Amino acid sequence: MHKAQVYVFSGKFQDRGEACLYSEPQWESEPDNSASDEEYNAWEDRNPTHKLKSNIDSYLDEDFIETVAMDIEYLLSINS
């Protein structure tokens, strides 16, 4: 049986919402249909922003990042 590798990064935030602004990708509103190709391409280049990824010098796959609020039992159950 293959065990999952889990990396835990911790931080202090006021609430889960603030933590998610740091740990999960953030998107600006998508330009509407009147945007030029250049404007749309610039939007694509800027998005998403991801503060966690910008502070870690290695590859992180956004699809596998989960923000957990102090649930030690849940974290322990991942490798069970």
PDB file of N, CA and C in Angstrom:
ATOM      1  N   MET A   1       0.839  -1.184   0.000  1.00  0.00           N
ATOM      2  CA  MET A   1       0.000   0.000   0.000  1.00  0.00           C
ATOM      3  C   MET A   1       0.881   1.244   0.000  1.00  0.00           C
ATOM      4  N   HIS A   2       0.564   2.181  -0.863  1.00  0.00           N
ATOM      5  CA  HIS A   2       1.325   3.420  -0.978  1.00  0.00           C
ATOM      6  C   HIS A   2       0.810   4.455   0.023  1.00  0.00           C
ATOM      7  N   LYS A   3       1.710   5.014   0.784  1.00  0.00           N
ATOM      8  CA  LYS A   3       1.339   6.074   1.733  1.00  0.00           C
ATOM      9  C   LYS A   3       1.550   7.431   1.064  1.00  0.00           C
ATOM     10  N   ALA A   4       0.648   8.332   1.328  1.00  0.00           N
ATOM     11  CA  ALA A   4       0.738   9.680   0.772  1.00  0.00           C
ATOM     12  C   ALA A   4       1.831  10.471   1.482  1.00  0.00           C
ATOM     13  N   GLN A   5       2.498  11.343   0.724  1.00  0.00           N
ATOM     14  CA  GLN A   5       3.418  12.282   1.337  1.00  0.00           C
ATOM     15  C   GLN A   5       2.629  13.557   1.606  1.00  0.00           C
ATOM     16  N   VAL A   6       2.674  14.009   2.830  1.00  0.00           N
ATOM     17  CA  VAL A   6       1.950  15.207   3.216  1.00  0.00           C
ATOM     18  C   VAL A   6       2.948  16.206   3.784  1.00  0.00           C
ATOM     19  N   TYR A   7       2.927  17.400   3.247  1.00  0.00           N
ATOM     20  CA  TYR A   7       3.770  18.475   3.752  1.00  0.00           C
ATOM     21  C   TYR A   7       2.851  19.482   4.422  1.00  0.00           C
ATOM     22  N   VAL A   8       3.197  19.872   5.628  1.00  0.00           N
ATOM     23  CA  VAL A   8       2.368  20.789   6.390  1.00  0.00           C
ATOM     24  C   VAL A   8       3.120  22.103   6.554  1.00  0.00           C
ATOM     25  N   PHE A   9       2.473  23.180   6.154  1.00  0.00           N
ATOM     26  CA  PHE A   9       2.998  24.518   6.354  1.00  0.00           C
ATOM     27  C   PHE A   9       2.041  25.209   7.307  1.00  0.00           C
ATOM     28  N   SER A  10       2.570  25.855   8.303  1.00  0.00           N
ATOM     29  CA  SER A  10       1.683  26.499   9.266  1.00  0.00           C
ATOM     30  C   SER A  10       1.911  28.010   9.269  1.00  0.00           C
ATOM     31  N   GLY A  11       0.910  28.712   9.720  1.00  0.00           N
ATOM     32  CA  GLY A  11       0.986  30.163   9.821  1.00  0.00           C
ATOM     33  C   GLY A  11      -0.091  30.658  10.763  1.00  0.00           C
ATOM     34  N   LYS A  12       0.028  31.902  11.163  1.00  0.00           N
ATOM     35  CA  LYS A  12      -0.979  32.515  12.032  1.00  0.00           C
ATOM     36  C   LYS A  12      -1.803  33.490  11.208  1.00  0.00           C
ATOM     37  N   PHE A  13      -3.108  33.257  11.212  1.00  0.00           N
ATOM     38  CA  PHE A  13      -4.037  34.093  10.476  1.00  0.00           C
ATOM     39  C   PHE A  13      -5.221  34.407  11.378  1.00  0.00           C
ATOM     40  N   GLN A  14      -5.924  35.491  11.091  1.00  0.00           N
ATOM     41  CA  GLN A  14      -7.082  35.846  11.911  1.00  0.00           C
ATOM     42  C   GLN A  14      -8.206  34.833  11.766  1.00  0.00           C
ATOM     43  N   ASP A  15      -8.378  34.309  10.560  1.00  0.00           N
ATOM     44  CA  ASP A  15      -9.450  33.344  10.313  1.00  0.00           C
ATOM     45  C   ASP A  15      -9.113  32.527   9.067  1.00  0.00           C
ATOM     46  N   ARG A  16      -9.960  31.554   8.750  1.00  0.00           N
ATOM     47  CA  ARG A  16      -9.720  30.684   7.603  1.00  0.00           C
ATOM     48  C   ARG A  16      -9.714  31.479   6.296  1.00  0.00           C
ATOM     49  N   GLY A  17     -10.569  32.488   6.204  1.00  0.00           N
ATOM     50  CA  GLY A  17     -10.620  33.317   5.000  1.00  0.00           C
ATOM     51  C   GLY A  17      -9.293  33.996   4.707  1.00  0.00           C
ATOM     52  N   GLU A  18      -8.678  34.529   5.738  1.00  0.00           N
ATOM     53  CA  GLU A  18      -7.372  35.171   5.573  1.00  0.00           C
ATOM     54  C   GLU A  18      -6.324  34.134   5.194  1.00  0.00           C
ATOM     55  N   ALA A  19      -6.399  32.956   5.792  1.00  0.00           N
ATOM     56  CA  ALA A  19      -5.465  31.882   5.449  1.00  0.00           C
ATOM     57  C   ALA A  19      -5.608  31.485   3.984  1.00  0.00           C
ATOM     58  N   CYS A  20      -6.844  31.397   3.509  1.00  0.00           N
ATOM     59  CA  CYS A  20      -7.084  31.017   2.113  1.00  0.00           C
ATOM     60  C   CYS A  20      -6.551  32.063   1.140  1.00  0.00           C
ATOM     61  N   LEU A  21      -6.593  33.338   1.526  1.00  0.00           N
ATOM     62  CA  LEU A  21      -6.020  34.378   0.670  1.00  0.00           C
ATOM     63  C   LEU A  21      -4.523  34.172   0.489  1.00  0.00           C
ATOM     64  N   TYR A  22      -3.893  33.521   1.456  1.00  0.00           N
ATOM     65  CA  TYR A  22      -2.468  33.233   1.371  1.00  0.00           C
ATOM     66  C   TYR A  22      -2.194  31.894   0.681  1.00  0.00           C
ATOM     67  N   SER A  23      -2.977  30.875   0.995  1.00  0.00           N
ATOM     68  CA  SER A  23      -2.632  29.519   0.591  1.00  0.00           C
ATOM     69  C   SER A  23      -3.266  29.058  -0.719  1.00  0.00           C
ATOM     70  N   GLU A  24      -4.277  29.750  -1.198  1.00  0.00           N
ATOM     71  CA  GLU A  24      -4.990  29.302  -2.389  1.00  0.00           C
ATOM     72  C   GLU A  24      -4.903  30.356  -3.494  1.00  0.00           C
ATOM     73  N   PRO A  25      -4.950  29.929  -4.750  1.00  0.00           N
ATOM     74  CA  PRO A  25      -4.828  30.885  -5.857  1.00  0.00           C
ATOM     75  C   PRO A  25      -5.949  31.915  -5.845  1.00  0.00           C
ATOM     76  N   GLN A  26      -5.589  33.140  -6.184  1.00  0.00           N
ATOM     77  CA  GLN A  26      -6.541  34.249  -6.235  1.00  0.00           C
ATOM     78  C   GLN A  26      -6.625  34.751  -7.673  1.00  0.00           C
ATOM     79  N   TRP A  27      -7.832  34.996  -8.123  1.00  0.00           N
ATOM     80  CA  TRP A  27      -8.078  35.433  -9.496  1.00  0.00           C
ATOM     81  C   TRP A  27      -8.724  36.814  -9.506  1.00  0.00           C
ATOM     82  N   GLU A  28      -8.242  37.680 -10.393  1.00  0.00           N
ATOM     83  CA  GLU A  28      -8.945  38.920 -10.686  1.00  0.00           C
ATOM     84  C   GLU A  28     -10.194  38.551 -11.490  1.00  0.00           C
ATOM     85  N   SER A  29     -11.160  39.438 -11.540  1.00  0.00           N
ATOM     86  CA  SER A  29     -12.323  39.207 -12.392  1.00  0.00           C
ATOM     87  C   SER A  29     -11.872  39.095 -13.843  1.00  0.00           C
ATOM     88  N   GLU A  30     -12.449  38.133 -14.544  1.00  0.00           N
ATOM     89  CA  GLU A  30     -12.087  37.932 -15.949  1.00  0.00           C
ATOM     90  C   GLU A  30     -12.600  39.105 -16.784  1.00  0.00           C
ATOM     91  N   PRO A  31     -11.781  39.589 -17.724  1.00  0.00           N
ATOM     92  CA  PRO A  31     -12.241  40.688 -18.582  1.00  0.00           C
ATOM     93  C   PRO A  31     -13.489  40.285 -19.374  1.00  0.00           C
ATOM     94  N   ASP A  32     -14.324  41.268 -19.661  1.00  0.00           N
ATOM     95  CA  ASP A  32     -15.529  40.961 -20.436  1.00  0.00           C
ATOM     96  C   ASP A  32     -15.197  40.826 -21.921  1.00  0.00           C
ATOM     97  N   ASN A  33     -16.208  40.583 -22.719  1.00  0.00           N
ATOM     98  CA  ASN A  33     -16.008  40.339 -24.152  1.00  0.00           C
ATOM     99  C   ASN A  33     -15.461  41.533 -24.916  1.00  0.00           C
ATOM    100  N   SER A  34     -15.526  42.724 -24.321  1.00  0.00           N
ATOM    101  CA  SER A  34     -15.007  43.904 -25.021  1.00  0.00           C
ATOM    102  C   SER A  34     -13.487  44.039 -24.886  1.00  0.00           C
ATOM    103  N   ALA A  35     -12.854  43.206 -24.072  1.00  0.00           N
ATOM    104  CA  ALA A  35     -11.400  43.285 -23.872  1.00  0.00           C
ATOM    105  C   ALA A  35     -10.676  42.852 -25.140  1.00  0.00           C
ATOM    106  N   SER A  36      -9.600  43.531 -25.437  1.00  0.00           N
ATOM    107  CA  SER A  36      -8.782  43.159 -26.598  1.00  0.00           C
ATOM    108  C   SER A  36      -7.991  41.895 -26.273  1.00  0.00           C
ATOM    109  N   ASP A  37      -7.427  41.276 -27.286  1.00  0.00           N
ATOM    110  CA  ASP A  37      -6.587  40.101 -27.080  1.00  0.00           C
ATOM    111  C   ASP A  37      -5.408  40.429 -26.169  1.00  0.00           C
ATOM    112  N   GLU A  38      -4.840  41.626 -26.349  1.00  0.00           N
ATOM    113  CA  GLU A  38      -3.703  42.036 -25.524  1.00  0.00           C
ATOM    114  C   GLU A  38      -4.114  42.173 -24.059  1.00  0.00           C
ATOM    115  N   GLU A  39      -5.282  42.765 -23.815  1.00  0.00           N
ATOM    116  CA  GLU A  39      -5.773  42.914 -22.445  1.00  0.00           C
ATOM    117  C   GLU A  39      -6.051  41.549 -21.817  1.00  0.00           C
ATOM    118  N   TYR A  40      -6.636  40.664 -22.594  1.00  0.00           N
ATOM    119  CA  TYR A  40      -6.937  39.327 -22.066  1.00  0.00           C
ATOM    120  C   TYR A  40      -5.654  38.555 -21.780  1.00  0.00           C
ATOM    121  N   ASN A  41      -4.681  38.651 -22.682  1.00  0.00           N
ATOM    122  CA  ASN A  41      -3.395  37.971 -22.462  1.00  0.00           C
ATOM    123  C   ASN A  41      -2.693  38.512 -21.226  1.00  0.00           C
ATOM    124  N   ALA A  42      -2.767  39.828 -21.014  1.00  0.00           N
ATOM    125  CA  ALA A  42      -2.158  40.428 -19.818  1.00  0.00           C
ATOM    126  C   ALA A  42      -2.849  39.908 -18.564  1.00  0.00           C
ATOM    127  N   TRP A  43      -4.181  39.777 -18.617  1.00  0.00           N
ATOM    128  CA  TRP A  43      -4.928  39.219 -17.484  1.00  0.00           C
ATOM    129  C   TRP A  43      -4.484  37.784 -17.206  1.00  0.00           C
ATOM    130  N   GLU A  44      -4.343  36.978 -18.253  1.00  0.00           N
ATOM    131  CA  GLU A  44      -3.884  35.596 -18.079  1.00  0.00           C
ATOM    132  C   GLU A  44      -2.493  35.548 -17.450  1.00  0.00           C
ATOM    133  N   ASP A  45      -1.613  36.462 -17.862  1.00  0.00           N
ATOM    134  CA  ASP A  45      -0.248  36.492 -17.318  1.00  0.00           C
ATOM    135  C   ASP A  45      -0.241  36.853 -15.836  1.00  0.00           C
ATOM    136  N   ARG A  46      -1.201  37.667 -15.396  1.00  0.00           N
ATOM    137  CA  ARG A  46      -1.259  38.102 -13.991  1.00  0.00           C
ATOM    138  C   ARG A  46      -1.971  37.115 -13.087  1.00  0.00           C
ATOM    139  N   ASN A  47      -2.694  36.183 -13.650  1.00  0.00           N
ATOM    140  CA  ASN A  47      -3.570  35.319 -12.862  1.00  0.00           C
ATOM    141  C   ASN A  47      -3.222  33.860 -13.000  1.00  0.00           C
ATOM    142  N   PRO A  48      -3.391  33.092 -11.968  1.00  0.00           N
ATOM    143  CA  PRO A  48      -3.749  33.551 -10.639  1.00  0.00           C
ATOM    144  C   PRO A  48      -2.513  34.014  -9.882  1.00  0.00           C
ATOM    145  N   THR A  49      -2.729  34.781  -8.836  1.00  0.00           N
ATOM    146  CA  THR A  49      -1.652  35.079  -7.904  1.00  0.00           C
ATOM    147  C   THR A  49      -1.738  34.038  -6.790  1.00  0.00           C
ATOM    148  N   HIS A  50      -0.613  33.778  -6.194  1.00  0.00           N
ATOM    149  CA  HIS A  50      -0.580  32.721  -5.184  1.00  0.00           C
ATOM    150  C   HIS A  50       0.549  33.030  -4.218  1.00  0.00           C
ATOM    151  N   LYS A  51       0.219  33.612  -3.073  1.00  0.00           N
ATOM    152  CA  LYS A  51       1.245  34.052  -2.122  1.00  0.00           C
ATOM    153  C   LYS A  51       2.071  32.892  -1.578  1.00  0.00           C
ATOM    154  N   LEU A  52       1.438  31.761  -1.264  1.00  0.00           N
ATOM    155  CA  LEU A  52       2.180  30.618  -0.744  1.00  0.00           C
ATOM    156  C   LEU A  52       3.229  30.162  -1.749  1.00  0.00           C
ATOM    157  N   LYS A  53       2.822  29.986  -3.000  1.00  0.00           N
ATOM    158  CA  LYS A  53       3.761  29.520  -4.020  1.00  0.00           C
ATOM    159  C   LYS A  53       4.901  30.499  -4.226  1.00  0.00           C
ATOM    160  N   SER A  54       4.630  31.795  -4.079  1.00  0.00           N
ATOM    161  CA  SER A  54       5.687  32.783  -4.297  1.00  0.00           C
ATOM    162  C   SER A  54       6.701  32.784  -3.150  1.00  0.00           C
ATOM    163  N   ASN A  55       6.361  32.172  -2.015  1.00  0.00           N
ATOM    164  CA  ASN A  55       7.266  32.125  -0.867  1.00  0.00           C
ATOM    165  C   ASN A  55       7.966  30.790  -0.696  1.00  0.00           C
ATOM    166  N   ILE A  56       7.737  29.860  -1.617  1.00  0.00           N
ATOM    167  CA  ILE A  56       8.355  28.541  -1.521  1.00  0.00           C
ATOM    168  C   ILE A  56       9.155  28.295  -2.789  1.00  0.00           C
ATOM    169  N   ASP A  57      10.385  27.894  -2.618  1.00  0.00           N
ATOM    170  CA  ASP A  57      11.280  27.710  -3.753  1.00  0.00           C
ATOM    171  C   ASP A  57      11.230  26.265  -4.255  1.00  0.00           C
ATOM    172  N   SER A  58      10.032  25.797  -4.583  1.00  0.00           N
ATOM    173  CA  SER A  58       9.881  24.474  -5.174  1.00  0.00           C
ATOM    174  C   SER A  58       8.510  24.396  -5.824  1.00  0.00           C
ATOM    175  N   TYR A  59       8.264  23.321  -6.539  1.00  0.00           N
ATOM    176  CA  TYR A  59       6.999  23.160  -7.251  1.00  0.00           C
ATOM    177  C   TYR A  59       5.878  22.784  -6.292  1.00  0.00           C
ATOM    178  N   LEU A  60       4.761  23.474  -6.401  1.00  0.00           N
ATOM    179  CA  LEU A  60       3.543  23.125  -5.676  1.00  0.00           C
ATOM    180  C   LEU A  60       2.415  23.021  -6.685  1.00  0.00           C
ATOM    181  N   ASP A  61       1.677  21.936  -6.639  1.00  0.00           N
ATOM    182  CA  ASP A  61       0.528  21.756  -7.521  1.00  0.00           C
ATOM    183  C   ASP A  61      -0.714  22.282  -6.804  1.00  0.00           C
ATOM    184  N   GLU A  62      -1.294  23.351  -7.323  1.00  0.00           N
ATOM    185  CA  GLU A  62      -2.451  23.989  -6.679  1.00  0.00           C
ATOM    186  C   GLU A  62      -3.602  23.019  -6.461  1.00  0.00           C
ATOM    187  N   ASP A  63      -3.713  22.007  -7.297  1.00  0.00           N
ATOM    188  CA  ASP A  63      -4.810  21.046  -7.175  1.00  0.00           C
ATOM    189  C   ASP A  63      -4.721  20.225  -5.893  1.00  0.00           C
ATOM    190  N   PHE A  64      -3.552  20.219  -5.273  1.00  0.00           N
ATOM    191  CA  PHE A  64      -3.361  19.380  -4.095  1.00  0.00           C
ATOM    192  C   PHE A  64      -3.033  20.190  -2.844  1.00  0.00           C
ATOM    193  N   ILE A  65      -3.329  21.466  -2.861  1.00  0.00           N
ATOM    194  CA  ILE A  65      -3.152  22.316  -1.688  1.00  0.00           C
ATOM    195  C   ILE A  65      -4.492  22.428  -0.988  1.00  0.00           C
ATOM    196  N   GLU A  66      -4.488  22.164   0.297  1.00  0.00           N
ATOM    197  CA  GLU A  66      -5.712  22.243   1.079  1.00  0.00           C
ATOM    198  C   GLU A  66      -5.436  23.080   2.319  1.00  0.00           C
ATOM    199  N   THR A  67      -6.324  24.007   2.620  1.00  0.00           N
ATOM    200  CA  THR A  67      -6.189  24.844   3.804  1.00  0.00           C
ATOM    201  C   THR A  67      -7.023  24.220   4.915  1.00  0.00           C
ATOM    202  N   VAL A  68      -6.341  23.815   5.981  1.00  0.00           N
ATOM    203  CA  VAL A  68      -6.987  23.125   7.093  1.00  0.00           C
ATOM    204  C   VAL A  68      -6.798  23.972   8.344  1.00  0.00           C
ATOM    205  N   ALA A  69      -7.877  24.173   9.078  1.00  0.00           N
ATOM    206  CA  ALA A  69      -7.826  24.994  10.289  1.00  0.00           C
ATOM    207  C   ALA A  69      -7.660  24.101  11.518  1.00  0.00           C
ATOM    208  N   MET A  70      -6.428  23.891  11.935  1.00  0.00           N
ATOM    209  CA  MET A  70      -6.088  23.196  13.185  1.00  0.00           C
ATOM    210  C   MET A  70      -6.854  21.889  13.418  1.00  0.00           C
ATOM    211  N   ASP A  71      -6.911  21.047  12.421  1.00  0.00           N
ATOM    212  CA  ASP A  71      -7.589  19.763  12.550  1.00  0.00           C
ATOM    213  C   ASP A  71      -6.529  18.657  12.521  1.00  0.00           C
ATOM    214  N   ILE A  72      -5.877  18.466  13.648  1.00  0.00           N
ATOM    215  CA  ILE A  72      -4.775  17.505  13.739  1.00  0.00           C
ATOM    216  C   ILE A  72      -5.255  16.085  13.432  1.00  0.00           C
ATOM    217  N   GLU A  73      -6.428  15.725  13.909  1.00  0.00           N
ATOM    218  CA  GLU A  73      -6.955  14.375  13.641  1.00  0.00           C
ATOM    219  C   GLU A  73      -7.102  14.143  12.141  1.00  0.00           C
ATOM    220  N   TYR A  74      -7.597  15.154  11.430  1.00  0.00           N
ATOM    221  CA  TYR A  74      -7.735  15.025   9.974  1.00  0.00           C
ATOM    222  C   TYR A  74      -6.371  14.829   9.331  1.00  0.00           C
ATOM    223  N   LEU A  75      -5.384  15.644   9.723  1.00  0.00           N
ATOM    224  CA  LEU A  75      -4.054  15.507   9.153  1.00  0.00           C
ATOM    225  C   LEU A  75      -3.468  14.125   9.407  1.00  0.00           C
ATOM    226  N   LEU A  76      -3.645  13.611  10.596  1.00  0.00           N
ATOM    227  CA  LEU A  76      -3.137  12.277  10.928  1.00  0.00           C
ATOM    228  C   LEU A  76      -3.852  11.199  10.118  1.00  0.00           C
ATOM    229  N   SER A  77      -5.117  11.407   9.802  1.00  0.00           N
ATOM    230  CA  SER A  77      -5.884  10.397   9.077  1.00  0.00           C
ATOM    231  C   SER A  77      -5.475  10.290   7.613  1.00  0.00           C
ATOM    232  N   ILE A  78      -4.818  11.276   7.076  1.00  0.00           N
ATOM    233  CA  ILE A  78      -4.430  11.260   5.662  1.00  0.00           C
ATOM    234  C   ILE A  78      -3.494  10.095   5.376  1.00  0.00           C
ATOM    235  N   ASN A  79      -2.614   9.796   6.255  1.00  0.00           N
ATOM    236  CA  ASN A  79      -1.643   8.714   6.042  1.00  0.00           C
ATOM    237  C   ASN A  79      -2.098   7.394   6.629  1.00  0.00           C
ATOM    238  N   SER A  80      -3.309   7.295   7.098  1.00  0.00           N
ATOM    239  CA  SER A  80      -3.798   6.048   7.701  1.00  0.00           C
ATOM    240  C   SER A  80      -4.229   5.058   6.651  1.00  0.00           C
TER     241      SER A  80
END
